[in-house]
C-alpha cells in the first residue's frame, strides 16, 4: 500500500521517520511543496485553492491508499475538503493541546506554531475543548520553519532568530512556570536541541510525530513484509540544492521529478 506524506518542506520528515518505523510494510511517497513554502505567509483562501489543486494531481498520479498531511498549517485548512473528495483515510496534524493539558503540572503551557496556525479558529477550538482549565499561550513564530530548513540542510541555525521566536513561550506567573511547549509545526522538532540550549528553564517540548504515526497505522491494515519497495520524494519547486538532496537521501528517499 502507498502512503502519501505531504508538507510544505522538510517538516513532514519528522512524521515520516516515525511512520516508517511503525509501518515498514508500506511504500511512502513524500511530497514537499517547496514552491509554496512557507505556508504561514499565505492568505487562507489562496492557500486552500493551491492545495486542493495540488492534491487532485497527486492522487491521480500516485493513487495513495492514505494521505498524511504532515503540516499543521495545511491541516487546519485542507482536511475536510480532502475527506469530501476522496474515500481513503486522510490523517492530519493538529496541535497537541489535549496531551499538553493532561501533562502539565504547573498549569502553564505554550503552543509554538506558525502565525497562520495560531490565528486559525480550529486551534482556538482545541483550547476551548481540551485546555479550558489551564493557561495556554499561543506563540506565532514567523521564522522558525525557515530556520529548521536551514538547520537540516546546513547544520546551522541563527541562535538570535530562534531565541527571539521562542522567547514568548516562557511564562512565570506567580511562581508557576511554563512546563510544556507544544511543537505545533512539524518543522520544529528538528530544532529541539537548539531550543533546549536557548530555553531559560527546562520544559517538555511536545513532539506529536509518533502519535500521528500511531494513528495512521491504526487506519491501514498490516500487509506483511514487502521487498524492493522504493520510497520517493517529489518537490513542487523542481531541483533542490545538493545539501537538500543529501538530506532526503539520508532519509532513504529517492528524488523523482514531479509529473
Protein backbone atom coordinates (compact mmCIF):
# COMPACT_ATOMS: atom_id res chain seq x y z
CA UNK A 1 0.00 0.00 0.00
CA UNK A 2 1.10 3.56 -0.73
CA UNK A 3 1.11 6.29 1.91
CA UNK A 4 1.49 9.85 0.64
CA UNK A 5 3.08 12.22 3.18
CA UNK A 6 2.64 15.89 2.39
CA UNK A 7 4.30 19.03 3.77
CA UNK A 8 5.43 22.44 2.59
CA UNK A 9 9.07 21.43 3.05
CA UNK A 10 11.20 19.19 5.26
CA UNK A 11 8.99 19.31 8.37
CA UNK A 12 6.99 16.23 7.46
CA UNK A 13 10.16 14.17 7.66
CA UNK A 14 9.68 14.17 11.44
CA UNK A 15 6.37 12.34 10.88
CA UNK A 16 7.68 10.16 8.05
CA UNK A 17 10.52 8.93 10.26
CA UNK A 18 8.04 7.62 12.85
CA UNK A 19 5.57 6.28 10.28
CA UNK A 20 8.20 4.17 8.55
CA UNK A 21 9.19 2.58 11.86
CA UNK A 22 5.57 1.67 12.62
CA UNK A 23 4.57 0.76 9.05
CA UNK A 24 7.64 -0.82 7.42
CA UNK A 25 5.48 -2.85 5.05
CA UNK A 26 4.08 0.19 3.23
CA UNK A 27 5.51 2.30 0.42
CA UNK A 28 5.93 6.01 1.18
CA UNK A 29 5.74 8.92 -1.23
CA UNK A 30 6.86 12.22 0.28
CA UNK A 31 5.77 15.46 -1.39
CA UNK A 32 7.39 18.75 -0.42
CA UNK A 33 5.52 21.78 -1.74
CA UNK A 34 8.66 23.88 -1.60
CA UNK A 35 7.33 26.13 -4.36
CA UNK A 36 4.69 27.28 -1.86
CA UNK A 37 6.96 27.43 1.23
CA UNK A 38 6.38 28.91 3.76
CA UNK A 39 2.65 28.28 4.13
CA UNK A 40 2.44 30.69 7.05
CA UNK A 41 2.80 33.62 4.64
CA UNK A 42 -0.23 32.68 2.50
CA UNK A 43 -3.71 34.16 2.59
CA UNK A 44 -6.10 31.42 3.67
CA UNK A 45 -8.26 31.21 0.54
CA UNK A 46 -5.32 31.25 -1.86
CA UNK A 47 -3.50 28.52 0.07
CA UNK A 48 -6.58 26.31 0.16
CA UNK A 49 -7.09 26.69 -3.58
CA UNK A 50 -3.44 25.82 -4.21
CA UNK A 51 -3.51 22.71 -2.05
CA UNK A 52 -6.79 21.37 -3.43
CA UNK A 53 -5.46 21.60 -6.98
CA UNK A 54 -2.16 20.03 -5.99
CA UNK A 55 -3.79 17.12 -4.17
CA UNK A 56 -6.03 16.34 -7.12
CA UNK A 57 -2.88 15.93 -9.25
CA UNK A 58 -1.07 13.92 -6.59
CA UNK A 59 -3.93 11.49 -6.07
CA UNK A 60 -4.30 10.95 -9.79
CA UNK A 61 -0.55 10.32 -10.17
CA UNK A 62 0.21 8.19 -7.11
CA UNK A 63 -3.14 6.56 -6.23
CA UNK A 64 -2.39 6.57 -2.48
CA UNK A 65 -4.17 4.33 0.00
CA UNK A 66 -3.71 7.01 2.66
CA UNK A 67 -2.63 10.63 2.88
CA UNK A 68 -0.84 12.06 5.90
CA UNK A 69 -0.93 15.86 5.88
CA UNK A 70 2.24 16.32 7.92
CA UNK A 71 1.81 20.08 8.28
CA UNK A 72 -0.17 21.90 10.95
CA UNK A 73 -0.93 24.97 8.86
CA UNK A 74 -2.15 22.85 5.94
CA UNK A 75 -4.18 20.57 8.21
CA UNK A 76 -6.19 23.45 9.66
CA UNK A 77 -7.49 24.12 6.13
CA UNK A 78 -7.38 21.07 3.91
CA UNK A 79 -8.57 18.06 5.92
CA UNK A 80 -12.30 18.49 5.39
CA UNK A 81 -12.05 19.31 1.65
CA UNK A 82 -9.87 16.22 1.15
CA UNK A 83 -12.24 13.98 3.09
CA UNK A 84 -15.14 15.22 0.99
CA UNK A 85 -13.29 14.42 -2.27
CA UNK A 86 -11.56 11.11 -1.51
CA UNK A 87 -12.66 7.91 0.20
CA UNK A 88 -9.28 6.75 1.55
CA UNK A 89 -8.06 7.73 5.06
CA UNK A 90 -6.82 11.30 5.50
CA UNK A 91 -4.68 11.80 8.61
CA UNK A 92 -3.94 15.34 9.70
CA UNK A 93 -1.55 17.07 12.06
CA UNK A 94 -3.12 19.28 14.69
CA UNK A 95 -1.58 20.98 17.74
CA UNK A 96 -1.15 18.50 20.62
CA UNK A 97 -3.10 20.69 23.02
CA UNK A 98 -5.04 17.90 24.70
CA UNK A 99 -1.98 15.84 25.75
CA UNK A 100 -0.19 19.02 26.81
CA UNK A 101 -3.09 19.99 29.07
CA UNK A 102 -3.07 16.48 30.56
CA UNK A 103 0.69 16.52 31.10
CA UNK A 104 1.28 19.96 32.62
CA UNK A 105 1.95 20.18 36.34
CA UNK A 106 2.14 23.98 36.54
CA UNK A 107 -0.98 24.73 34.51
CA UNK A 108 1.08 26.86 32.12
CA UNK A 109 1.52 25.59 28.55
CA UNK A 110 2.54 27.28 25.32
CA UNK A 111 1.72 26.42 21.74
CA UNK A 112 4.61 27.25 19.40
CA UNK A 113 3.32 27.45 15.83
CA UNK A 114 3.37 29.44 12.63
CA UNK A 115 1.43 32.71 12.78
CA UNK A 116 -1.19 31.16 10.48
CA UNK A 117 -1.81 28.17 12.77
CA UNK A 118 -2.08 30.48 15.78
CA UNK A 119 -4.78 32.53 14.04
CA UNK A 120 -6.95 29.59 12.96
CA UNK A 121 -10.29 29.11 14.69
CA UNK A 122 -9.51 25.39 14.74
CA UNK A 123 -6.58 25.94 17.12
CA UNK A 124 -8.68 28.04 19.46
CA UNK A 125 -11.46 25.46 19.44
CA UNK A 126 -8.97 22.81 20.60
CA UNK A 127 -8.04 25.04 23.52
CA UNK A 128 -11.70 25.58 24.44
CA UNK A 129 -12.45 21.87 24.27
CA UNK A 130 -9.36 20.35 25.87
CA UNK A 131 -7.47 23.03 27.81
CA UNK A 132 -10.07 25.25 29.43
CA UNK A 133 -8.63 24.60 32.89
CA UNK A 134 -5.04 25.61 32.10
CA UNK A 135 -3.38 28.76 30.86
CA UNK A 136 -2.44 28.47 27.18
CA UNK A 137 -0.17 30.95 25.47
CA UNK A 138 -0.25 30.95 21.65
CA UNK A 139 3.09 31.93 20.15
CA UNK A 140 3.27 32.62 16.42
CA UNK A 141 6.86 32.17 15.26
CA UNK A 142 7.45 33.79 11.86
CA UNK A 143 10.99 32.48 11.30
CA UNK A 144 11.34 29.01 12.81
CA UNK A 145 10.23 26.92 9.82
CA UNK A 146 12.86 28.57 7.64
CA UNK A 147 15.46 28.14 10.39
CA UNK A 148 14.59 24.43 10.60
CA UNK A 149 15.05 24.09 6.84
CA UNK A 150 18.41 25.82 7.15
CA UNK A 151 19.46 23.70 10.11
CA UNK A 152 18.58 20.41 8.45
CA UNK A 153 20.45 21.22 5.24
CA UNK A 154 23.48 23.09 6.66
CA UNK A 155 23.68 22.11 10.32
CA UNK A 156 23.38 25.76 11.33
CA UNK A 157 20.63 27.97 12.72
CA UNK A 158 20.68 31.63 13.72
CA UNK A 159 20.60 31.48 17.51
CA UNK A 160 19.36 35.08 17.85
CA UNK A 161 16.43 34.50 15.50
CA UNK A 162 15.48 31.24 17.18
CA UNK A 163 15.78 32.74 20.67
CA UNK A 164 13.55 35.68 19.70
CA UNK A 165 10.89 33.37 18.25
CA UNK A 166 10.66 31.12 21.33
CA UNK A 167 11.03 33.82 23.99
CA UNK A 168 7.31 34.37 24.48
CA UNK A 169 6.76 30.67 25.22
CA UNK A 170 8.18 31.09 28.70
CA UNK A 171 5.75 32.41 31.29
CA UNK A 172 6.48 32.75 35.01
CA UNK A 173 3.19 33.68 36.67
CA UNK A 174 3.28 33.87 40.48
CA UNK A 175 5.92 31.15 40.53
CA UNK A 176 4.06 28.89 38.10
CA UNK A 177 6.32 28.44 35.11
CA UNK A 178 5.56 27.09 31.66
CA UNK A 179 6.43 23.40 31.74
CA UNK A 180 5.11 22.15 28.37
CA UNK A 181 5.64 23.70 24.93
CA UNK A 182 3.62 22.16 22.11
CA UNK A 183 5.61 21.97 18.87
CA UNK A 184 2.70 22.82 16.56
CA UNK A 185 4.69 22.74 13.34
CA UNK A 186 6.33 19.57 12.04
CA UNK A 187 9.48 21.53 11.22
CA UNK A 188 10.13 22.41 14.84
CA UNK A 189 11.19 19.01 16.26
CA UNK A 190 14.37 19.25 14.22
CA UNK A 191 15.32 22.31 16.30
CA UNK A 192 14.54 20.75 19.69
CA UNK A 193 18.18 20.56 20.79
CA UNK A 194 18.64 24.21 19.81
CA UNK A 195 15.51 25.12 21.77
CA UNK A 196 16.84 23.30 24.85
CA UNK A 197 20.10 25.21 24.78
CA UNK A 198 18.33 28.58 24.45
CA UNK A 199 15.46 28.00 26.89
CA UNK A 200 15.60 29.91 30.21
CA UNK A 201 14.49 26.74 32.06
CA UNK A 202 13.77 23.11 31.14
CA UNK A 203 10.38 22.32 29.61
CA UNK A 204 8.77 19.36 27.90
CA UNK A 205 8.95 20.05 24.14
CA UNK A 206 5.93 18.06 22.98
CA UNK A 207 6.50 16.48 19.57
CA UNK A 208 3.33 14.84 18.17
CA UNK A 209 5.05 12.89 15.36
CA UNK A 210 4.86 9.46 16.99
CA UNK A 211 1.19 9.92 17.92
CA UNK A 212 0.39 10.91 14.34
CA UNK A 213 2.19 7.82 13.05
CA UNK A 214 0.35 5.55 15.50
CA UNK A 215 -2.98 6.97 14.39
CA UNK A 216 -2.03 6.47 10.74
CA UNK A 217 -1.07 2.86 11.38
CA UNK A 218 -4.44 2.23 13.02
CA UNK A 219 -6.17 3.32 9.81
CA UNK A 220 -4.35 0.89 7.49
CA UNK A 221 -4.04 -2.91 7.67
CA UNK A 222 -0.77 -4.71 8.24
CA UNK A 223 0.09 -6.37 4.93
CA UNK A 224 3.25 -8.32 5.70
CA UNK A 225 6.80 -7.88 4.52
CA UNK A 226 7.40 -6.19 1.18
CA UNK A 227 10.75 -6.29 -0.56
CA UNK A 228 12.24 -3.91 -3.14
CA UNK A 229 9.98 -1.05 -2.09
CA UNK A 230 11.43 2.33 -3.06
CA UNK A 231 10.31 5.33 -1.05
CA UNK A 232 10.46 8.55 -3.04
CA UNK A 233 10.31 12.32 -2.67
CA UNK A 234 8.88 14.89 -5.06
CA UNK A 235 9.48 18.66 -4.96
CA UNK A 236 6.95 21.04 -6.47
CA UNK A 237 9.71 23.63 -6.91
CA UNK A 238 11.91 21.38 -9.05
CA UNK A 239 15.54 20.66 -8.26
CA UNK A 240 16.82 21.14 -4.74
CA UNK A 241 20.32 22.06 -3.59
CA UNK A 242 22.93 19.30 -3.20
CA UNK A 243 22.63 19.69 0.59
CA UNK A 244 18.87 19.12 0.43
CA UNK A 245 19.37 16.16 -1.87
CA UNK A 246 21.76 14.62 0.65
CA UNK A 247 19.27 15.22 3.46
CA UNK A 248 16.44 13.38 1.71
CA UNK A 249 18.79 10.66 0.54
CA UNK A 250 19.82 10.19 4.17
CA UNK A 251 16.16 9.51 4.95
CA UNK A 252 16.19 6.79 2.31
CA UNK A 253 14.15 8.76 -0.24
CA UNK A 254 14.85 8.74 -3.96
CA UNK A 255 14.22 12.10 -5.65
CA UNK A 256 11.75 11.89 -8.53
CA UNK A 257 10.53 14.64 -10.90
CA UNK A 258 7.00 15.97 -10.46
CA UNK A 259 4.59 14.83 -13.17
